C-alpha cells in the first residue's frame, strides 16, 4: 500500500499544480495574471481582467483537478489514498512546481476535493460562500466563513477523518489568506469584480 499512497500523492500534486488561471488567460491573450490585482492565479483575480467566462472556467478547472485527484486515487487505492491525493492536490495548487512554488490560495481546489470526498459538504460550502458574497461582496471573507464551517459540518455528520483533514486544509487556507484578513480588518480589501 505504501507504493499506492506515494502514487496517490504524486498524482494529486501534479494535478493540483496545474495553474489553470494562468494557462487560460495566456491562451485568451490577456496580460500576465500575476501582474494585476492581487497577483494571484485564481478565479477571483481572473475576474479582474473583466473576462467573466475565463473566471468561471478557471474556477471550474481548479475545482475539477481536486475532484479528479480524489476520484482517481480513490478508485485504485481506496479512501485513504483519496484523502492523500486530495491533500496533495491542495498543496500542489498552493505551491506549484511550475511557478517556483508560488500558486493560488486554494479555495476552488478545496471545493473540488470536498466534491470528490463528500459532495453534501461541497454544497454547504458553496451555499455559505454565495450567501456571504451576496451580502459582503468579499470573496476572501466568503471563503473564510465557508471553510470555517466545513470541518464542523463534516464532524457533525460523523465523518471524523474528513473533519480532521479539512480542519488542516482550512488552517492552510486561512494562512494563505493572511494578507486578506489584514485588509479586511483595515477595510481595504478589494470587493468581487473590482478592478485594481
C-alpha atoms as a PDB file:
ATOM      1  CA  UNK A   1       0.000   0.000   0.000  1.00  0.00           C
ATOM      2  CA  UNK A   2       2.929   2.335   0.512  1.00  0.00           C
ATOM      3  CA  UNK A   3       3.547   2.408  -3.227  1.00  0.00           C
ATOM      4  CA  UNK A   4      -0.129   3.164  -3.835  1.00  0.00           C
ATOM      5  CA  UNK A   5      -0.060   6.026  -1.368  1.00  0.00           C
ATOM      6  CA  UNK A   6       3.090   7.500  -2.892  1.00  0.00           C
ATOM      7  CA  UNK A   7       1.464   7.313  -6.330  1.00  0.00           C
ATOM      8  CA  UNK A   8      -1.668   8.986  -4.946  1.00  0.00           C
ATOM      9  CA  UNK A   9       0.433  11.825  -3.545  1.00  0.00           C
ATOM     10  CA  UNK A  10       2.275  12.241  -6.840  1.00  0.00           C
ATOM     11  CA  UNK A  11      -0.880  12.214  -8.974  1.00  0.00           C
ATOM     12  CA  UNK A  12      -2.593  14.620  -6.608  1.00  0.00           C
ATOM     13  CA  UNK A  13       0.296  17.052  -6.522  1.00  0.00           C
ATOM     14  CA  UNK A  14       0.800  17.089 -10.299  1.00  0.00           C
ATOM     15  CA  UNK A  15      -2.904  17.630 -10.957  1.00  0.00           C
ATOM     16  CA  UNK A  16      -3.162  20.290  -8.274  1.00  0.00           C
ATOM     17  CA  UNK A  17      -0.163  22.189  -9.569  1.00  0.00           C
ATOM     18  CA  UNK A  18      -1.669  22.861 -12.999  1.00  0.00           C
ATOM     19  CA  UNK A  19      -2.136  26.687 -12.985  1.00  0.00           C
ATOM     20  CA  UNK A  20      -5.359  26.871 -14.982  1.00  0.00           C
ATOM     21  CA  UNK A  21      -5.886  30.583 -14.315  1.00  0.00           C
ATOM     22  CA  UNK A  22      -2.537  31.425 -15.822  1.00  0.00           C
ATOM     23  CA  UNK A  23      -2.913  28.980 -18.721  1.00  0.00           C
ATOM     24  CA  UNK A  24      -6.399  30.121 -19.694  1.00  0.00           C
ATOM     25  CA  UNK A  25      -5.614  33.841 -19.532  1.00  0.00           C
ATOM     26  CA  UNK A  26      -2.460  33.363 -21.598  1.00  0.00           C
ATOM     27  CA  UNK A  27      -4.411  31.497 -24.260  1.00  0.00           C
ATOM     28  CA  UNK A  28      -7.003  34.294 -24.199  1.00  0.00           C
ATOM     29  CA  UNK A  29      -4.287  36.892 -24.761  1.00  0.00           C
ATOM     30  CA  UNK A  30      -4.763  38.864 -21.556  1.00  0.00           C
ATOM     31  CA  UNK A  31      -1.856  40.356 -19.665  1.00  0.00           C
ATOM     32  CA  UNK A  32       0.075  38.188 -17.222  1.00  0.00           C
ATOM     33  CA  UNK A  33      -2.344  37.391 -14.430  1.00  0.00           C
ATOM     34  CA  UNK A  34       0.413  37.784 -11.844  1.00  0.00           C
ATOM     35  CA  UNK A  35       0.867  41.449 -12.801  1.00  0.00           C
ATOM     36  CA  UNK A  36      -2.675  42.591 -11.994  1.00  0.00           C
ATOM     37  CA  UNK A  37      -4.871  42.802  -8.924  1.00  0.00           C
ATOM     38  CA  UNK A  38      -3.643  40.550  -6.154  1.00  0.00           C
ATOM     39  CA  UNK A  39      -1.195  38.794  -8.462  1.00  0.00           C
ATOM     40  CA  UNK A  40      -2.960  35.550  -7.629  1.00  0.00           C
ATOM     41  CA  UNK A  41      -3.608  32.835 -10.229  1.00  0.00           C
ATOM     42  CA  UNK A  42      -7.143  32.037  -9.056  1.00  0.00           C
ATOM     43  CA  UNK A  43     -10.608  32.803 -10.408  1.00  0.00           C
ATOM     44  CA  UNK A  44     -11.145  35.957  -8.321  1.00  0.00           C
ATOM     45  CA  UNK A  45      -8.111  37.605  -9.869  1.00  0.00           C
ATOM     46  CA  UNK A  46      -9.053  36.348 -13.342  1.00  0.00           C
ATOM     47  CA  UNK A  47     -12.349  38.186 -12.829  1.00  0.00           C
ATOM     48  CA  UNK A  48     -10.353  41.411 -12.505  1.00  0.00           C
ATOM     49  CA  UNK A  49      -9.385  41.066 -16.168  1.00  0.00           C
ATOM     50  CA  UNK A  50     -13.045  41.701 -16.965  1.00  0.00           C
ATOM     51  CA  UNK A  51     -13.428  38.246 -18.517  1.00  0.00           C
ATOM     52  CA  UNK A  52     -16.218  36.565 -16.567  1.00  0.00           C
ATOM     53  CA  UNK A  53     -16.154  33.488 -18.783  1.00  0.00           C
ATOM     54  CA  UNK A  54     -12.458  32.976 -18.130  1.00  0.00           C
ATOM     55  CA  UNK A  55     -13.015  33.408 -14.405  1.00  0.00           C
ATOM     56  CA  UNK A  56     -15.772  30.778 -14.445  1.00  0.00           C
ATOM     57  CA  UNK A  57     -13.611  28.409 -16.476  1.00  0.00           C
ATOM     58  CA  UNK A  58     -10.725  28.890 -14.050  1.00  0.00           C
ATOM     59  CA  UNK A  59     -12.975  28.177 -11.081  1.00  0.00           C
ATOM     60  CA  UNK A  60     -14.353  25.033 -12.713  1.00  0.00           C
ATOM     61  CA  UNK A  61     -10.960  23.690 -13.799  1.00  0.00           C
ATOM     62  CA  UNK A  62      -9.367  24.366 -10.417  1.00  0.00           C
ATOM     63  CA  UNK A  63     -12.264  22.595  -8.717  1.00  0.00           C
ATOM     64  CA  UNK A  64     -12.182  19.600 -11.038  1.00  0.00           C
ATOM     65  CA  UNK A  65      -8.463  18.995 -10.644  1.00  0.00           C
ATOM     66  CA  UNK A  66      -9.101  18.422  -6.938  1.00  0.00           C
ATOM     67  CA  UNK A  67     -12.061  16.175  -7.689  1.00  0.00           C
ATOM     68  CA  UNK A  68     -10.099  14.235 -10.308  1.00  0.00           C
ATOM     69  CA  UNK A  69      -7.225  13.602  -7.907  1.00  0.00           C
ATOM     70  CA  UNK A  70      -9.612  12.236  -5.279  1.00  0.00           C
ATOM     71  CA  UNK A  71     -11.609  10.074  -7.688  1.00  0.00           C
ATOM     72  CA  UNK A  72      -8.590   8.585  -9.460  1.00  0.00           C
ATOM     73  CA  UNK A  73      -6.744   7.760  -6.242  1.00  0.00           C
ATOM     74  CA  UNK A  74      -9.891   6.532  -4.521  1.00  0.00           C
ATOM     75  CA  UNK A  75     -10.757   4.214  -7.382  1.00  0.00           C
ATOM     76  CA  UNK A  76      -7.416   2.433  -7.247  1.00  0.00           C
ATOM     77  CA  UNK A  77      -6.313   2.910  -3.657  1.00  0.00           C
ATOM     78  CA  UNK A  78      -9.403   3.385  -1.506  1.00  0.00           C
ATOM     79  CA  UNK A  79     -10.476   6.164   0.881  1.00  0.00           C
ATOM     80  CA  UNK A  80      -7.069   6.780   2.458  1.00  0.00           C
ATOM     81  CA  UNK A  81      -5.428   7.173  -0.940  1.00  0.00           C
ATOM     82  CA  UNK A  82      -8.235   9.530  -1.955  1.00  0.00           C
ATOM     83  CA  UNK A  83      -7.621  11.760   1.069  1.00  0.00           C
ATOM     84  CA  UNK A  84      -3.869  11.745   0.446  1.00  0.00           C
ATOM     85  CA  UNK A  85      -4.370  12.687  -3.198  1.00  0.00           C
ATOM     86  CA  UNK A  86      -6.756  15.482  -2.214  1.00  0.00           C
ATOM     87  CA  UNK A  87      -4.256  16.869   0.266  1.00  0.00           C
ATOM     88  CA  UNK A  88      -1.504  16.712  -2.332  1.00  0.00           C
ATOM     89  CA  UNK A  89      -3.703  18.431  -4.922  1.00  0.00           C
ATOM     90  CA  UNK A  90      -4.387  21.236  -2.467  1.00  0.00           C
ATOM     91  CA  UNK A  91      -0.673  21.649  -1.744  1.00  0.00           C
ATOM     92  CA  UNK A  92       0.100  21.459  -5.452  1.00  0.00           C
ATOM     93  CA  UNK A  93      -2.243  24.361  -6.105  1.00  0.00           C
ATOM     94  CA  UNK A  94      -0.698  26.406  -3.301  1.00  0.00           C
ATOM     95  CA  UNK A  95       2.885  25.526  -4.217  1.00  0.00           C
ATOM     96  CA  UNK A  96       3.076  24.505  -7.913  1.00  0.00           C
ATOM     97  CA  UNK A  97       6.461  23.316  -9.066  1.00  0.00           C
ATOM     98  CA  UNK A  98       5.939  25.048 -12.447  1.00  0.00           C
ATOM     99  CA  UNK A  99       5.656  28.513 -10.860  1.00  0.00           C
ATOM    100  CA  UNK A 100       8.517  28.379  -8.381  1.00  0.00           C
ATOM    101  CA  UNK A 101       6.073  27.156  -5.726  1.00  0.00           C
ATOM    102  CA  UNK A 102       4.015  30.379  -5.840  1.00  0.00           C
ATOM    103  CA  UNK A 103       0.424  29.426  -6.545  1.00  0.00           C
ATOM    104  CA  UNK A 104      -3.129  30.214  -5.555  1.00  0.00           C
ATOM    105  CA  UNK A 105      -4.935  30.328  -2.250  1.00  0.00           C
ATOM    106  CA  UNK A 106      -6.737  27.033  -2.612  1.00  0.00           C
ATOM    107  CA  UNK A 107     -10.454  27.839  -2.432  1.00  0.00           C
ATOM    108  CA  UNK A 108     -11.585  26.233  -5.696  1.00  0.00           C
ATOM    109  CA  UNK A 109      -9.491  23.097  -5.252  1.00  0.00           C
ATOM    110  CA  UNK A 110     -10.737  22.871  -1.647  1.00  0.00           C
ATOM    111  CA  UNK A 111     -14.290  22.726  -3.023  1.00  0.00           C
ATOM    112  CA  UNK A 112     -13.272  20.172  -5.634  1.00  0.00           C
ATOM    113  CA  UNK A 113     -11.731  17.893  -3.015  1.00  0.00           C
ATOM    114  CA  UNK A 114     -14.904  18.189  -0.932  1.00  0.00           C
ATOM    115  CA  UNK A 115     -16.948  17.328  -4.003  1.00  0.00           C
ATOM    116  CA  UNK A 116     -14.967  14.134  -4.530  1.00  0.00           C
ATOM    117  CA  UNK A 117     -14.954  13.044  -0.885  1.00  0.00           C
ATOM    118  CA  UNK A 118     -18.405  14.093   0.412  1.00  0.00           C
ATOM    119  CA  UNK A 119     -20.460  16.176  -2.010  1.00  0.00           C
ATOM    120  CA  UNK A 120     -23.067  17.464   0.519  1.00  0.00           C
ATOM    121  CA  UNK A 121     -20.256  19.337   2.290  1.00  0.00           C
ATOM    122  CA  UNK A 122     -19.253  20.925  -1.023  1.00  0.00           C
ATOM    123  CA  UNK A 123     -22.854  22.047  -1.472  1.00  0.00           C
ATOM    124  CA  UNK A 124     -22.927  23.594   2.007  1.00  0.00           C
ATOM    125  CA  UNK A 125     -19.593  25.333   1.310  1.00  0.00           C
ATOM    126  CA  UNK A 126     -20.953  26.855  -1.904  1.00  0.00           C
ATOM    127  CA  UNK A 127     -24.212  27.983  -0.266  1.00  0.00           C
ATOM    128  CA  UNK A 128     -22.301  29.671   2.557  1.00  0.00           C
ATOM    129  CA  UNK A 129     -19.833  31.225   0.103  1.00  0.00           C
ATOM    130  CA  UNK A 130     -22.622  32.619  -2.067  1.00  0.00           C
ATOM    131  CA  UNK A 131     -24.611  33.922   0.891  1.00  0.00           C
ATOM    132  CA  UNK A 132     -21.594  35.691   2.360  1.00  0.00           C
ATOM    133  CA  UNK A 133     -20.524  37.036  -1.037  1.00  0.00           C
ATOM    134  CA  UNK A 134     -24.012  38.353  -1.751  1.00  0.00           C
ATOM    135  CA  UNK A 135     -24.080  40.325   1.482  1.00  0.00           C
ATOM    136  CA  UNK A 136     -20.452  41.444   1.700  1.00  0.00           C
ATOM    137  CA  UNK A 137     -19.061  41.212  -1.863  1.00  0.00           C
ATOM    138  CA  UNK A 138     -15.785  39.965  -0.357  1.00  0.00           C
ATOM    139  CA  UNK A 139     -14.500  36.773  -1.956  1.00  0.00           C
ATOM    140  CA  UNK A 140     -11.931  36.252   0.776  1.00  0.00           C
ATOM    141  CA  UNK A 141     -14.425  36.640   3.617  1.00  0.00           C
ATOM    142  CA  UNK A 142     -16.780  34.226   1.872  1.00  0.00           C
ATOM    143  CA  UNK A 143     -14.058  31.603   1.675  1.00  0.00           C
ATOM    144  CA  UNK A 144     -13.052  32.121   5.297  1.00  0.00           C
ATOM    145  CA  UNK A 145     -16.609  31.729   6.566  1.00  0.00           C
ATOM    146  CA  UNK A 146     -17.391  28.671   4.431  1.00  0.00           C
ATOM    147  CA  UNK A 147     -14.129  26.910   5.241  1.00  0.00           C
ATOM    148  CA  UNK A 148     -14.574  27.555   8.969  1.00  0.00           C
ATOM    149  CA  UNK A 149     -17.941  25.785   8.932  1.00  0.00           C
ATOM    150  CA  UNK A 150     -16.856  22.863   6.717  1.00  0.00           C
ATOM    151  CA  UNK A 151     -14.939  20.746   9.289  1.00  0.00           C
ATOM    152  CA  UNK A 152     -17.743  21.299  11.811  1.00  0.00           C
ATOM    153  CA  UNK A 153     -20.311  20.127   9.272  1.00  0.00           C
ATOM    154  CA  UNK A 154     -18.257  17.017   8.488  1.00  0.00           C
ATOM    155  CA  UNK A 155     -17.794  16.220  12.169  1.00  0.00           C
ATOM    156  CA  UNK A 156     -21.496  16.745  12.874  1.00  0.00           C
ATOM    157  CA  UNK A 157     -22.380  14.154  10.243  1.00  0.00           C
ATOM    158  CA  UNK A 158     -19.940  11.598  11.648  1.00  0.00           C
ATOM    159  CA  UNK A 159     -17.107  11.951   9.139  1.00  0.00           C
ATOM    160  CA  UNK A 160     -14.357  12.318  11.713  1.00  0.00           C
ATOM    161  CA  UNK A 161     -11.436  11.547   9.378  1.00  0.00           C
ATOM    162  CA  UNK A 162     -12.665  14.052   6.799  1.00  0.00           C
ATOM    163  CA  UNK A 163     -13.332  16.612   9.509  1.00  0.00           C
ATOM    164  CA  UNK A 164      -9.736  16.268  10.673  1.00  0.00           C
ATOM    165  CA  UNK A 165      -8.414  16.544   7.116  1.00  0.00           C
ATOM    166  CA  UNK A 166     -10.442  19.655   6.348  1.00  0.00           C
ATOM    167  CA  UNK A 167      -9.537  21.245   9.665  1.00  0.00           C
ATOM    168  CA  UNK A 168      -5.927  21.071   8.498  1.00  0.00           C
ATOM    169  CA  UNK A 169      -6.779  22.304   4.989  1.00  0.00           C
ATOM    170  CA  UNK A 170      -8.825  25.134   6.488  1.00  0.00           C
ATOM    171  CA  UNK A 171      -5.875  26.249   8.613  1.00  0.00           C
ATOM    172  CA  UNK A 172      -3.702  26.253   5.479  1.00  0.00           C
ATOM    173  CA  UNK A 173      -6.354  28.166   3.538  1.00  0.00           C
ATOM    174  CA  UNK A 174      -6.618  30.774   6.301  1.00  0.00           C
ATOM    175  CA  UNK A 175      -2.829  31.093   6.350  1.00  0.00           C
ATOM    176  CA  UNK A 176      -2.820  31.730   2.598  1.00  0.00           C
ATOM    177  CA  UNK A 177      -5.431  34.445   3.204  1.00  0.00           C
ATOM    178  CA  UNK A 178      -3.485  36.155   5.991  1.00  0.00           C
ATOM    179  CA  UNK A 179      -2.962  39.339   3.961  1.00  0.00           C
ATOM    180  CA  UNK A 180      -6.646  39.363   3.010  1.00  0.00           C
ATOM    181  CA  UNK A 181      -7.538  39.084   6.686  1.00  0.00           C
ATOM    182  CA  UNK A 182      -5.370  42.108   7.456  1.00  0.00           C
ATOM    183  CA  UNK A 183      -7.046  44.089   4.658  1.00  0.00           C
ATOM    184  CA  UNK A 184     -10.490  43.031   5.833  1.00  0.00           C
ATOM    185  CA  UNK A 185      -9.649  44.299   9.295  1.00  0.00           C
ATOM    186  CA  UNK A 186      -8.341  47.553   7.823  1.00  0.00           C
ATOM    187  CA  UNK A 187     -11.308  47.963   5.467  1.00  0.00           C
ATOM    188  CA  UNK A 188      -9.090  47.985   2.369  1.00  0.00           C
ATOM    189  CA  UNK A 189      -9.896  44.562   0.916  1.00  0.00           C
ATOM    190  CA  UNK A 190     -10.998  44.572  -2.708  1.00  0.00           C
ATOM    191  CA  UNK A 191     -14.541  43.513  -3.478  1.00  0.00           C
ATOM    192  CA  UNK A 192     -15.701  40.928  -6.013  1.00  0.00           C
ATOM    193  CA  UNK A 193     -15.441  42.223  -9.575  1.00  0.00           C
ATOM    194  CA  UNK A 194     -13.492  45.281  -8.533  1.00  0.00           C
ATOM    195  CA  UNK A 195     -10.509  46.142 -10.700  1.00  0.00           C
ATOM    196  CA  UNK A 196      -7.319  47.262  -9.002  1.00  0.00           C
END
